[in-house]
Amino acid sequence: MKRIIKAAMGCIMLLAISCSKQPLGIPQSVNTQTNDNANSASMNTAHYIGERFGGGVIFWITKDSLHGLIADTVDLGSYAWWNGIYTNAGATATRIGSRKANTRKIIVSQGRAGYYAALYSAKSKHSGYTDWFLPSKDELNEIYKNKAIIGGSFFLSGYWSSSESNENQAWGQRFDDGYQYFDLDKHYASHVRAIRAF
């Protein structure tokens, strides 16, 4: 009888120790895996074109849907490309991903004072973000292709890109028919829609 009581007491103690280390019915390995999956999901969230995110609307994404470009929901206004001086800024890149380098080259060439498209884009603090830029030619075209998804108001007349053609001209795009023109004079006031990346 004493042996049975001792065996029963031993089982109760083992059960008590086991319960204090882990909740009943949930093996340790399952908890760890569940937490790892949750962390992985939060770090690798897929996005989509048209999603409201990061201060605007996503209009272009990478193949893995983890990174992309965001268009502001409103125009900054109408501004000239230049700051009153014709220069070769060296902002000739047109591809997606060129906005930041182009915008910075324009500002170095045209100065940090005044009223012009690249400077206003870089100074924007819309939705609390400070990393807005003037889109490159190809980035601007992606905005045009997705303007209905982005929503809001777009002017049918031209928008500036940050892509320069030569000392006197830069790339712009109409938003009625999508026509991209390389010969828009830099002194011309055109609409400005800033973008940022995530």
C-alpha atoms as a PDB file:
ATOM      1  CA  MET A   1       0.000   0.000   0.000  1.00  0.00           C
ATOM      2  CA  LYS A   2       2.878   2.360   0.879  1.00  0.00           C
ATOM      3  CA  ARG A   3       4.467   1.645  -2.499  1.00  0.00           C
ATOM      4  CA  ILE A   4       1.241   2.555  -4.334  1.00  0.00           C
ATOM      5  CA  ILE A   5       0.932   5.854  -2.430  1.00  0.00           C
ATOM      6  CA  LYS A   6       4.603   6.729  -3.138  1.00  0.00           C
ATOM      7  CA  ALA A   7       4.146   5.968  -6.857  1.00  0.00           C
ATOM      8  CA  ALA A   8       0.984   8.087  -6.986  1.00  0.00           C
ATOM      9  CA  MET A   9       2.751  10.996  -5.215  1.00  0.00           C
ATOM     10  CA  GLY A  10       5.625  10.782  -7.702  1.00  0.00           C
ATOM     11  CA  CYS A  11       3.230  10.983 -10.648  1.00  0.00           C
ATOM     12  CA  ILE A  12       1.459  14.003  -9.129  1.00  0.00           C
ATOM     13  CA  MET A  13       4.790  15.816  -8.609  1.00  0.00           C
ATOM     14  CA  LEU A  14       5.906  15.130 -12.189  1.00  0.00           C
ATOM     15  CA  LEU A  15       2.577  16.420 -13.484  1.00  0.00           C
ATOM     16  CA  ALA A  16       2.844  19.585 -11.351  1.00  0.00           C
ATOM     17  CA  ILE A  17       6.389  20.315 -12.614  1.00  0.00           C
ATOM     18  CA  SER A  18       5.311  19.709 -16.205  1.00  0.00           C
ATOM     19  CA  CYS A  19       2.311  22.072 -15.897  1.00  0.00           C
ATOM     20  CA  SER A  20       4.385  24.902 -14.460  1.00  0.00           C
ATOM     21  CA  LYS A  21       6.739  24.863 -17.466  1.00  0.00           C
ATOM     22  CA  GLN A  22       4.176  24.745 -20.291  1.00  0.00           C
ATOM     23  CA  PRO A  23       0.400  25.268 -20.560  1.00  0.00           C
ATOM     24  CA  LEU A  24      -1.537  22.010 -20.640  1.00  0.00           C
ATOM     25  CA  GLY A  25      -2.105  20.508 -24.042  1.00  0.00           C
ATOM     26  CA  ILE A  26       0.266  22.781 -26.032  1.00  0.00           C
ATOM     27  CA  PRO A  27       3.628  21.225 -26.784  1.00  0.00           C
ATOM     28  CA  GLN A  28       6.609  23.611 -26.665  1.00  0.00           C
ATOM     29  CA  SER A  29       7.550  22.953 -30.304  1.00  0.00           C
ATOM     30  CA  VAL A  30       4.103  24.066 -31.560  1.00  0.00           C
ATOM     31  CA  ASN A  31       4.297  27.383 -29.659  1.00  0.00           C
ATOM     32  CA  THR A  32       7.744  28.180 -31.059  1.00  0.00           C
ATOM     33  CA  GLN A  33       6.718  27.417 -34.617  1.00  0.00           C
ATOM     34  CA  THR A  34       3.545  29.477 -34.342  1.00  0.00           C
ATOM     35  CA  ASN A  35       5.526  32.504 -33.108  1.00  0.00           C
ATOM     36  CA  ASP A  36       8.138  32.091 -35.860  1.00  0.00           C
ATOM     37  CA  ASN A  37       5.420  31.973 -38.512  1.00  0.00           C
ATOM     38  CA  ALA A  38       3.751  35.097 -37.116  1.00  0.00           C
ATOM     39  CA  ASN A  39       7.071  36.988 -37.121  1.00  0.00           C
ATOM     40  CA  SER A  40       7.843  35.849 -40.644  1.00  0.00           C
ATOM     41  CA  ALA A  41       4.419  36.929 -41.892  1.00  0.00           C
ATOM     42  CA  SER A  42       4.773  40.412 -40.395  1.00  0.00           C
ATOM     43  CA  MET A  43       8.226  40.863 -41.949  1.00  0.00           C
ATOM     44  CA  ASN A  44       7.247  39.567 -45.401  1.00  0.00           C
ATOM     45  CA  THR A  45       3.838  41.105 -46.043  1.00  0.00           C
ATOM     46  CA  ALA A  46       2.854  41.091 -49.710  1.00  0.00           C
ATOM     47  CA  HIS A  47       1.454  44.318 -51.166  1.00  0.00           C
ATOM     48  CA  TYR A  48      -0.625  45.096 -54.246  1.00  0.00           C
ATOM     49  CA  ILE A  49      -1.185  47.884 -56.749  1.00  0.00           C
ATOM     50  CA  GLY A  50      -3.989  50.129 -55.531  1.00  0.00           C
ATOM     51  CA  GLU A  51      -3.278  49.487 -51.838  1.00  0.00           C
ATOM     52  CA  ARG A  52      -3.395  52.545 -49.586  1.00  0.00           C
ATOM     53  CA  PHE A  53      -0.055  52.375 -47.832  1.00  0.00           C
ATOM     54  CA  GLY A  54       2.826  54.557 -46.670  1.00  0.00           C
ATOM     55  CA  GLY A  55       1.170  57.920 -47.166  1.00  0.00           C
ATOM     56  CA  GLY A  56      -0.365  57.269 -50.578  1.00  0.00           C
ATOM     57  CA  VAL A  57      -1.355  54.538 -53.022  1.00  0.00           C
ATOM     58  CA  ILE A  58       0.939  51.798 -54.361  1.00  0.00           C
ATOM     59  CA  PHE A  59       1.222  52.055 -58.149  1.00  0.00           C
ATOM     60  CA  TRP A  60       4.171  49.716 -58.869  1.00  0.00           C
ATOM     61  CA  ILE A  61       5.552  46.648 -57.058  1.00  0.00           C
ATOM     62  CA  THR A  62       8.458  44.240 -57.358  1.00  0.00           C
ATOM     63  CA  LYS A  63       7.847  40.666 -58.511  1.00  0.00           C
ATOM     64  CA  ASP A  64       7.842  39.389 -54.910  1.00  0.00           C
ATOM     65  CA  SER A  65       5.264  42.081 -53.950  1.00  0.00           C
ATOM     66  CA  LEU A  66       7.390  43.133 -50.960  1.00  0.00           C
ATOM     67  CA  HIS A  67       8.656  46.475 -52.286  1.00  0.00           C
ATOM     68  CA  GLY A  68       7.380  49.133 -54.597  1.00  0.00           C
ATOM     69  CA  LEU A  69       6.470  52.747 -55.278  1.00  0.00           C
ATOM     70  CA  ILE A  70       3.795  54.925 -53.706  1.00  0.00           C
ATOM     71  CA  ALA A  71       2.120  57.906 -55.377  1.00  0.00           C
ATOM     72  CA  ASP A  72       0.956  60.827 -53.291  1.00  0.00           C
ATOM     73  CA  THR A  73      -2.836  61.164 -53.316  1.00  0.00           C
ATOM     74  CA  VAL A  74      -2.719  64.830 -54.388  1.00  0.00           C
ATOM     75  CA  ASP A  75      -0.669  67.039 -56.679  1.00  0.00           C
ATOM     76  CA  LEU A  76       1.791  69.453 -55.099  1.00  0.00           C
ATOM     77  CA  GLY A  77       0.740  72.117 -57.603  1.00  0.00           C
ATOM     78  CA  SER A  78       2.133  73.415 -60.891  1.00  0.00           C
ATOM     79  CA  TYR A  79       5.795  74.408 -61.084  1.00  0.00           C
ATOM     80  CA  ALA A  80       8.538  74.884 -63.613  1.00  0.00           C
ATOM     81  CA  TRP A  81      11.241  72.213 -63.892  1.00  0.00           C
ATOM     82  CA  TRP A  82      13.985  74.828 -63.493  1.00  0.00           C
ATOM     83  CA  ASN A  83      14.678  77.555 -60.939  1.00  0.00           C
ATOM     84  CA  GLY A  84      15.231  80.271 -63.531  1.00  0.00           C
ATOM     85  CA  ILE A  85      18.516  78.926 -64.914  1.00  0.00           C
ATOM     86  CA  TYR A  86      19.051  76.592 -67.870  1.00  0.00           C
ATOM     87  CA  THR A  87      21.663  74.026 -66.823  1.00  0.00           C
ATOM     88  CA  ASN A  88      22.620  70.445 -67.549  1.00  0.00           C
ATOM     89  CA  ALA A  89      21.712  68.877 -64.214  1.00  0.00           C
ATOM     90  CA  GLY A  90      22.832  65.392 -65.287  1.00  0.00           C
ATOM     91  CA  ALA A  91      19.437  63.974 -64.276  1.00  0.00           C
ATOM     92  CA  THR A  92      19.086  61.951 -67.479  1.00  0.00           C
ATOM     93  CA  ALA A  93      18.081  58.547 -66.039  1.00  0.00           C
ATOM     94  CA  THR A  94      14.605  57.431 -67.079  1.00  0.00           C
ATOM     95  CA  ARG A  95      14.162  53.943 -65.585  1.00  0.00           C
ATOM     96  CA  ILE A  96      12.191  52.927 -62.500  1.00  0.00           C
ATOM     97  CA  GLY A  97      14.359  53.609 -59.464  1.00  0.00           C
ATOM     98  CA  SER A  98      15.885  56.853 -60.828  1.00  0.00           C
ATOM     99  CA  ARG A  99      13.681  59.342 -58.970  1.00  0.00           C
ATOM    100  CA  LYS A 100      15.956  59.858 -55.976  1.00  0.00           C
ATOM    101  CA  ALA A 101      19.237  60.400 -57.866  1.00  0.00           C
ATOM    102  CA  ASN A 102      17.543  62.599 -60.493  1.00  0.00           C
ATOM    103  CA  THR A 103      15.803  64.778 -57.894  1.00  0.00           C
ATOM    104  CA  ARG A 104      19.037  65.303 -55.961  1.00  0.00           C
ATOM    105  CA  LYS A 105      20.996  66.196 -59.111  1.00  0.00           C
ATOM    106  CA  ILE A 106      18.369  68.775 -60.077  1.00  0.00           C
ATOM    107  CA  ILE A 107      18.507  70.371 -56.624  1.00  0.00           C
ATOM    108  CA  VAL A 108      22.317  70.518 -56.686  1.00  0.00           C
ATOM    109  CA  SER A 109      22.117  72.176 -60.118  1.00  0.00           C
ATOM    110  CA  GLN A 110      19.217  74.554 -59.391  1.00  0.00           C
ATOM    111  CA  GLY A 111      19.755  75.364 -55.694  1.00  0.00           C
ATOM    112  CA  ARG A 112      17.862  74.845 -52.450  1.00  0.00           C
ATOM    113  CA  ALA A 113      15.794  78.029 -52.673  1.00  0.00           C
ATOM    114  CA  GLY A 114      13.014  79.021 -55.026  1.00  0.00           C
ATOM    115  CA  TYR A 115       9.972  77.342 -56.529  1.00  0.00           C
ATOM    116  CA  TYR A 116      10.449  74.377 -58.848  1.00  0.00           C
ATOM    117  CA  ALA A 117       9.203  70.802 -59.267  1.00  0.00           C
ATOM    118  CA  ALA A 118      12.079  68.738 -57.861  1.00  0.00           C
ATOM    119  CA  LEU A 119      12.588  70.981 -54.825  1.00  0.00           C
ATOM    120  CA  TYR A 120       8.893  70.961 -53.918  1.00  0.00           C
ATOM    121  CA  SER A 121       8.802  67.180 -54.207  1.00  0.00           C
ATOM    122  CA  ALA A 122      11.834  66.774 -51.943  1.00  0.00           C
ATOM    123  CA  LYS A 123      10.439  69.241 -49.382  1.00  0.00           C
ATOM    124  CA  SER A 124       7.036  67.547 -49.160  1.00  0.00           C
ATOM    125  CA  LYS A 125       6.039  66.218 -45.735  1.00  0.00           C
ATOM    126  CA  HIS A 126       2.695  64.823 -46.823  1.00  0.00           C
ATOM    127  CA  SER A 127       1.240  62.194 -44.461  1.00  0.00           C
ATOM    128  CA  GLY A 128       4.271  62.619 -42.176  1.00  0.00           C
ATOM    129  CA  TYR A 129       6.830  61.253 -44.686  1.00  0.00           C
ATOM    130  CA  THR A 130       9.911  63.223 -45.746  1.00  0.00           C
ATOM    131  CA  ASP A 131      11.295  60.995 -48.505  1.00  0.00           C
ATOM    132  CA  TRP A 132       9.204  62.145 -51.477  1.00  0.00           C
ATOM    133  CA  PHE A 133      10.807  62.660 -54.898  1.00  0.00           C
ATOM    134  CA  LEU A 134       9.899  63.745 -58.418  1.00  0.00           C
ATOM    135  CA  PRO A 135       9.254  60.565 -60.490  1.00  0.00           C
ATOM    136  CA  SER A 136      11.467  59.566 -63.391  1.00  0.00           C
ATOM    137  CA  LYS A 137      10.024  59.237 -66.910  1.00  0.00           C
ATOM    138  CA  ASP A 138       9.244  55.514 -66.517  1.00  0.00           C
ATOM    139  CA  GLU A 139       7.878  55.952 -62.986  1.00  0.00           C
ATOM    140  CA  LEU A 140       5.582  58.736 -64.198  1.00  0.00           C
ATOM    141  CA  ASN A 141       4.319  56.436 -66.947  1.00  0.00           C
ATOM    142  CA  GLU A 142       3.426  53.794 -64.312  1.00  0.00           C
ATOM    143  CA  ILE A 143       1.402  56.438 -62.468  1.00  0.00           C
ATOM    144  CA  TYR A 144      -0.413  57.245 -65.716  1.00  0.00           C
ATOM    145  CA  LYS A 145      -1.167  53.556 -66.403  1.00  0.00           C
ATOM    146  CA  ASN A 146      -2.595  53.148 -62.881  1.00  0.00           C
ATOM    147  CA  LYS A 147      -4.284  56.539 -62.461  1.00  0.00           C
ATOM    148  CA  ALA A 148      -7.766  54.971 -62.170  1.00  0.00           C
ATOM    149  CA  ILE A 149      -6.541  52.634 -59.427  1.00  0.00           C
ATOM    150  CA  ILE A 150      -4.740  55.440 -57.592  1.00  0.00           C
ATOM    151  CA  GLY A 151      -7.938  57.475 -57.681  1.00  0.00           C
ATOM    152  CA  GLY A 152      -8.359  61.148 -56.921  1.00  0.00           C
ATOM    153  CA  SER A 153      -7.981  63.933 -59.434  1.00  0.00           C
ATOM    154  CA  PHE A 154      -5.393  64.000 -62.194  1.00  0.00           C
ATOM    155  CA  PHE A 155      -5.122  66.882 -64.630  1.00  0.00           C
ATOM    156  CA  LEU A 156      -5.275  65.834 -68.264  1.00  0.00           C
ATOM    157  CA  SER A 157      -2.483  68.204 -69.194  1.00  0.00           C
ATOM    158  CA  GLY A 158       1.195  67.515 -68.564  1.00  0.00           C
ATOM    159  CA  TYR A 159       3.047  66.273 -65.487  1.00  0.00           C
ATOM    160  CA  TRP A 160       6.764  66.702 -64.960  1.00  0.00           C
ATOM    161  CA  SER A 161       9.217  63.851 -64.616  1.00  0.00           C
ATOM    162  CA  SER A 162      12.684  64.218 -63.097  1.00  0.00           C
ATOM    163  CA  SER A 163      14.278  62.949 -66.328  1.00  0.00           C
ATOM    164  CA  GLU A 164      16.173  65.624 -68.214  1.00  0.00           C
ATOM    165  CA  SER A 165      16.521  65.664 -72.011  1.00  0.00           C
ATOM    166  CA  ASN A 166      19.074  68.450 -72.397  1.00  0.00           C
ATOM    167  CA  GLU A 167      20.004  71.846 -71.001  1.00  0.00           C
ATOM    168  CA  ASN A 168      16.683  73.408 -72.000  1.00  0.00           C
ATOM    169  CA  GLN A 169      14.189  70.520 -71.931  1.00  0.00           C
ATOM    170  CA  ALA A 170      12.952  67.608 -69.805  1.00  0.00           C
ATOM    171  CA  TRP A 171      10.484  64.716 -70.086  1.00  0.00           C
ATOM    172  CA  GLY A 172       6.822  65.293 -69.339  1.00  0.00           C
ATOM    173  CA  GLN A 173       3.649  63.265 -69.850  1.00  0.00           C
ATOM    174  CA  ARG A 174       0.064  64.070 -70.690  1.00  0.00           C
ATOM    175  CA  PHE A 175      -2.562  62.261 -68.610  1.00  0.00           C
ATOM    176  CA  ASP A 176      -5.351  62.306 -71.196  1.00  0.00           C
ATOM    177  CA  ASP A 177      -3.668  60.086 -73.808  1.00  0.00           C
ATOM    178  CA  GLY A 178      -0.428  59.112 -72.024  1.00  0.00           C
ATOM    179  CA  TYR A 179       1.807  60.808 -74.586  1.00  0.00           C
ATOM    180  CA  GLN A 180       5.355  61.270 -73.269  1.00  0.00           C
ATOM    181  CA  TYR A 181       7.299  64.178 -74.710  1.00  0.00           C
ATOM    182  CA  PHE A 182      11.013  64.778 -74.304  1.00  0.00           C
ATOM    183  CA  ASP A 183      10.977  68.423 -75.400  1.00  0.00           C
ATOM    184  CA  LEU A 184       8.998  70.217 -72.700  1.00  0.00           C
ATOM    185  CA  ASP A 185      10.782  73.493 -72.000  1.00  0.00           C
ATOM    186  CA  LYS A 186      12.048  73.626 -68.407  1.00  0.00           C
ATOM    187  CA  HIS A 187      10.532  77.055 -67.792  1.00  0.00           C
ATOM    188  CA  TYR A 188       7.023  75.714 -68.446  1.00  0.00           C
ATOM    189  CA  ALA A 189       4.760  75.270 -65.391  1.00  0.00           C
ATOM    190  CA  SER A 190       3.452  71.710 -65.273  1.00  0.00           C
ATOM    191  CA  HIS A 191       1.756  69.556 -62.642  1.00  0.00           C
ATOM    192  CA  VAL A 192       3.793  67.750 -59.996  1.00  0.00           C
ATOM    193  CA  ARG A 193       2.907  64.425 -58.311  1.00  0.00           C
ATOM    194  CA  ALA A 194       5.526  63.203 -55.817  1.00  0.00           C
ATOM    195  CA  ILE A 195       6.340  59.559 -55.116  1.00  0.00           C
ATOM    196  CA  ARG A 196       8.207  57.534 -52.489  1.00  0.00           C
ATOM    197  CA  ALA A 197       9.479  53.970 -52.196  1.00  0.00           C
ATOM    198  CA  PHE A 198       8.966  51.224 -49.604  1.00  0.00           C
END
